[in-house]
Protein backbone atom coordinates (compact mmCIF):
# COMPACT_ATOMS: atom_id res chain seq x y z
CA UNK A 1 -35.76 -57.05 91.34
CA UNK A 2 -37.55 -58.52 88.36
CA UNK A 3 -38.47 -55.05 87.22
CA UNK A 4 -34.83 -53.99 87.31
CA UNK A 5 -33.77 -57.00 85.28
CA UNK A 6 -36.51 -56.37 82.70
CA UNK A 7 -35.44 -52.72 82.47
CA UNK A 8 -31.80 -53.71 81.92
CA UNK A 9 -32.79 -56.25 79.29
CA UNK A 10 -34.95 -53.64 77.54
CA UNK A 11 -32.08 -51.16 77.53
CA UNK A 12 -29.69 -53.77 76.08
CA UNK A 13 -32.14 -54.62 73.32
CA UNK A 14 -32.60 -50.91 72.53
CA UNK A 15 -28.83 -50.34 72.35
CA UNK A 16 -28.48 -53.37 70.07
CA UNK A 17 -31.20 -52.11 67.73
CA UNK A 18 -29.62 -48.63 67.64
CA UNK A 19 -26.21 -50.11 66.87
CA UNK A 20 -27.67 -52.13 64.03
CA UNK A 21 -29.47 -49.06 62.63
CA UNK A 22 -26.23 -47.01 62.87
CA UNK A 23 -24.26 -49.74 61.08
CA UNK A 24 -26.91 -49.98 58.35
CA UNK A 25 -26.93 -46.19 57.98
CA UNK A 26 -23.17 -46.06 57.63
CA UNK A 27 -23.31 -48.83 55.06
CA UNK A 28 -26.01 -46.98 53.09
CA UNK A 29 -23.95 -43.77 53.28
CA UNK A 30 -20.86 -45.57 51.97
CA UNK A 31 -22.93 -47.11 49.16
CA UNK A 32 -24.42 -43.72 48.23
CA UNK A 33 -20.97 -42.10 48.32
CA UNK A 34 -19.46 -44.81 46.10
CA UNK A 35 -22.40 -44.47 43.70
CA UNK A 36 -21.99 -40.68 43.52
CA UNK A 37 -18.24 -41.01 42.99
CA UNK A 38 -18.85 -43.51 40.18
CA UNK A 39 -21.39 -41.19 38.48
CA UNK A 40 -19.02 -38.21 38.82
CA UNK A 41 -16.17 -40.25 37.39
CA UNK A 42 -18.30 -41.36 34.45
CA UNK A 43 -19.40 -37.76 33.79
CA UNK A 44 -15.81 -36.57 33.89
CA UNK A 45 -14.70 -39.31 31.48
CA UNK A 46 -17.61 -38.49 29.14
CA UNK A 47 -16.80 -34.76 29.21
CA UNK A 48 -13.13 -35.49 28.49
CA UNK A 49 -14.05 -37.71 25.55
CA UNK A 50 -16.45 -35.08 24.15
CA UNK A 51 -13.71 -32.43 24.47
CA UNK A 52 -11.25 -34.69 22.59
CA UNK A 53 -13.80 -35.34 19.83
CA UNK A 54 -14.52 -31.59 19.53
CA UNK A 55 -10.78 -30.86 19.37
CA UNK A 56 -10.27 -33.47 16.64
CA UNK A 57 -13.18 -32.02 14.62
CA UNK A 58 -11.78 -28.49 14.98
CA UNK A 59 -8.30 -29.60 13.87
CA UNK A 60 -9.76 -31.49 10.90
CA UNK A 61 -11.79 -28.43 9.83
CA UNK A 62 -8.73 -26.17 10.14
CA UNK A 63 -6.64 -28.61 8.10
CA UNK A 64 -9.33 -28.76 5.43
CA UNK A 65 -9.50 -24.96 5.20
CA UNK A 66 -5.69 -24.73 4.96
CA UNK A 67 -5.64 -27.28 2.14
CA UNK A 68 -8.42 -25.42 0.31
CA UNK A 69 -6.60 -22.07 0.67
CA UNK A 70 -3.37 -23.61 -0.61
CA UNK A 71 -5.13 -25.09 -3.65
CA UNK A 72 -6.76 -21.71 -4.43
CA UNK A 73 -3.39 -19.91 -4.20
CA UNK A 74 -1.71 -22.45 -6.47
CA UNK A 75 -4.53 -22.10 -9.01
CA UNK A 76 -4.31 -18.29 -8.96
CA UNK A 77 -0.52 -18.35 -9.28
CA UNK A 78 -0.78 -20.75 -12.24
CA UNK A 79 -3.26 -18.45 -14.01
CA UNK A 80 -1.04 -15.42 -13.41
CA UNK A 81 1.95 -17.31 -14.79
CA UNK A 82 0.03 -18.28 -17.95
CA UNK A 83 -1.14 -14.68 -18.42
CA UNK A 84 2.43 -13.35 -18.04
CA UNK A 85 3.71 -15.91 -20.54
CA UNK A 86 1.05 -14.93 -23.09
CA UNK A 87 1.80 -11.23 -22.58
CA UNK A 88 5.50 -11.89 -23.19
CA UNK A 89 4.73 -13.88 -26.35
CA UNK A 90 2.50 -11.04 -27.58
CA UNK A 91 5.27 -8.49 -27.04
CA UNK A 92 7.79 -10.67 -28.87
CA UNK A 93 5.38 -11.13 -31.78
CA UNK A 94 4.68 -7.39 -31.95
CA UNK A 95 8.41 -6.62 -31.95
CA UNK A 96 8.97 -9.13 -34.74
CA UNK A 97 6.15 -7.63 -36.81
CA UNK A 98 7.60 -4.16 -36.29
CA UNK A 99 11.02 -5.36 -37.43
CA UNK A 100 9.47 -7.04 -40.50
CA UNK A 101 7.62 -3.85 -41.41
CA UNK A 102 10.81 -1.80 -41.06
CA UNK A 103 12.59 -4.26 -43.30
CA UNK A 104 9.76 -4.03 -45.84
CA UNK A 105 9.88 -0.21 -45.78
CA UNK A 106 13.62 -0.30 -46.27
CA UNK A 107 13.20 -2.64 -49.25
CA UNK A 108 10.62 -0.28 -50.76
CA UNK A 109 12.91 2.72 -50.30
CA UNK A 110 15.83 0.85 -51.85
CA UNK A 111 13.70 -0.23 -54.80
CA UNK A 112 12.45 3.33 -55.29
CA UNK A 113 16.00 4.71 -55.21
CA UNK A 114 17.16 2.06 -57.63
CA UNK A 115 14.29 2.82 -59.98
CA UNK A 116 15.09 6.56 -59.89
CA UNK A 117 18.75 5.92 -60.60
CA UNK A 118 17.93 3.58 -63.45
CA UNK A 119 15.63 6.23 -64.94
CA UNK A 120 18.38 8.82 -64.81
CA UNK A 121 20.97 6.50 -66.41
CA UNK A 122 18.96 5.67 -69.49
CA UNK A 123 15.51 5.64 -70.94
CA UNK A 124 15.92 1.99 -71.85
CA UNK A 125 16.21 1.15 -68.18
CA UNK A 126 12.76 2.65 -67.50
CA UNK A 127 10.96 -0.61 -68.17
CA UNK A 128 13.35 -2.55 -65.96
CA UNK A 129 13.01 0.05 -63.19
CA UNK A 130 9.21 -0.10 -63.38
CA UNK A 131 9.39 -3.85 -63.24
CA UNK A 132 11.68 -3.73 -60.22
CA UNK A 133 9.41 -1.18 -58.54
CA UNK A 134 6.41 -3.38 -59.24
CA UNK A 135 8.16 -6.38 -57.74
CA UNK A 136 9.23 -4.37 -54.71
CA UNK A 137 5.70 -3.07 -54.25
CA UNK A 138 4.30 -6.56 -54.57
CA UNK A 139 6.84 -7.81 -52.05
CA UNK A 140 5.94 -4.94 -49.72
CA UNK A 141 2.23 -5.65 -50.07
CA UNK A 142 2.87 -9.29 -49.40
CA UNK A 143 4.92 -8.43 -46.31
CA UNK A 144 2.18 -6.12 -45.06
CA UNK A 145 -0.45 -8.80 -45.63
CA UNK A 146 1.73 -11.29 -43.75
CA UNK A 147 2.20 -8.79 -40.94
CA UNK A 148 -1.55 -8.22 -40.65
CA UNK A 149 -2.17 -11.96 -40.59
CA UNK A 150 0.46 -12.43 -37.90
CA UNK A 151 -1.03 -9.57 -35.89
CA UNK A 152 -4.50 -11.12 -36.08
CA UNK A 153 -3.08 -14.45 -34.96
CA UNK A 154 -1.22 -12.79 -32.11
CA UNK A 155 -4.34 -10.95 -30.94
CA UNK A 156 -6.40 -14.14 -31.13
CA UNK A 157 -3.70 -16.05 -29.30
CA UNK A 158 -3.48 -13.57 -26.44
CA UNK A 159 -7.20 -13.43 -25.73
CA UNK A 160 -7.53 -14.48 -22.12
CA UNK A 161 -10.51 -16.42 -20.86
CA UNK A 162 -13.11 -14.02 -19.47
CA UNK A 163 -12.96 -13.92 -15.69
CA UNK A 164 -15.96 -14.16 -13.43
CA UNK A 165 -16.81 -11.22 -11.11
CA UNK A 166 -15.51 -13.24 -8.16
CA UNK A 167 -12.19 -13.91 -9.92
CA UNK A 168 -11.87 -10.22 -10.87
CA UNK A 169 -12.61 -9.17 -7.28
CA UNK A 170 -9.95 -11.59 -6.03
CA UNK A 171 -7.42 -10.45 -8.67
CA UNK A 172 -7.74 -6.70 -7.94
CA UNK A 173 -7.17 -7.01 -4.19
CA UNK A 174 -4.59 -4.62 -2.71
CA UNK A 175 -1.61 -6.58 -1.39
CA UNK A 176 1.95 -5.63 -0.39
CA UNK A 177 3.13 -7.22 -3.66
CA UNK A 178 0.72 -5.16 -5.82
CA UNK A 179 1.55 -1.91 -4.00
CA UNK A 180 5.28 -2.47 -4.38
CA UNK A 181 4.90 -3.33 -8.07
CA UNK A 182 2.75 -0.24 -8.76
CA UNK A 183 5.48 2.01 -7.32
CA UNK A 184 7.94 0.60 -9.88
CA UNK A 185 5.66 1.17 -12.90
CA UNK A 186 6.90 4.01 -15.13
CA UNK A 187 3.89 4.04 -17.46
CA UNK A 188 1.20 6.71 -17.18
CA UNK A 189 -2.03 6.12 -15.21
CA UNK A 190 -4.94 6.51 -17.67
CA UNK A 191 -7.94 5.38 -15.64
CA UNK A 192 -9.28 2.81 -13.19
CA UNK A 193 -10.67 -0.73 -13.41
CA UNK A 194 -12.70 -2.09 -10.48
CA UNK A 195 -10.91 0.35 -8.19
CA UNK A 196 -7.41 -0.45 -9.54
CA UNK A 197 -5.15 2.03 -11.37
CA UNK A 198 -4.98 1.37 -15.13
CA UNK A 199 -1.64 2.02 -16.85
CA UNK A 200 -1.07 2.43 -20.60
CA UNK A 201 2.17 1.11 -22.08
CA UNK A 202 4.23 2.69 -24.89
CA UNK A 203 2.47 0.49 -27.47
CA UNK A 204 -1.03 1.30 -26.22
CA UNK A 205 -1.57 -1.79 -24.07
CA UNK A 206 -3.74 -1.16 -21.00
CA UNK A 207 -3.16 -3.11 -17.78
CA UNK A 208 -3.36 -3.10 -13.99
CA UNK A 209 -1.19 -4.70 -11.32
CA UNK A 210 -2.86 -7.78 -9.85
CA UNK A 211 -2.58 -9.01 -6.26
CA UNK A 212 0.57 -11.02 -7.12
CA UNK A 213 2.37 -7.91 -8.40
CA UNK A 214 2.08 -8.93 -12.07
CA UNK A 215 0.54 -7.11 -15.06
CA UNK A 216 -2.99 -8.09 -16.13
CA UNK A 217 -3.91 -6.65 -19.54
CA UNK A 218 -7.48 -5.57 -20.24
CA UNK A 219 -9.33 -5.00 -23.49
CA UNK A 220 -9.97 -1.51 -24.88
CA UNK A 221 -13.72 -1.79 -24.33
CA UNK A 222 -13.30 -1.86 -20.51
C-alpha cells in the first residue's frame, strides 16, 4: 500500500514539474515571438524611413537639374537675342551708309553737270564751275570718309564675343526650330561650319541657323 502511495505521489510531482516546464516554455516562446515581431517592426520602419530619405534626395536632385537647365536656356536665349539685335543694327547702319553714298554720288553728278553747263554758257563761268566742282568733290570725299568711319564703327560694334568650343557645339545643334528656319532661308548655301550649312546673304554676310532658329553670323576667316 505504501508503495502505491509513493508511486502516486511521484507521478503527481512529475506531472507538476512537466506542467511548470510547459508553462515556462510557452512563456519563453511568447517572449521570443514578441521580440522577433519588435525587431521586424523596427526593420520595416527603418527601411521605410530610408526609402523616404532616398526619394527626397532624388526629388531634390531632379529639381536642381531642372533649375540648372532652365538657367542655361535663359542664358542662351538672351545671347541669341543680343546677337539678333546687333545684326539688325548692322543692317540698318549698312543701309544708311549705302543711302549716304548714293546721295553723295548724286551730288557729284549734279555738280559735274552744273560745271559742264556753266562752261558751255560762258568762259567767265569756268572759274566758278571749277570752284563748284572742287567743292562738290571735297564734299564727296568728306562723305566717303564719313561713310568709311561709320562702316569701321559698325564693324567694330557688331563684333561678337568669341564663343568657346562648348558654346559653339551647343549653338549648332539640330533642333526642330533650326530645321524649320533653314527651310525658309532663300539665300544660297556656300559651305559648312561645324557641320551646319553656311548661307551667304545678298550683301556678302555669312551665317548659319542656330538651334533657336535664328541667324548667327560668322567672320570671313572661318
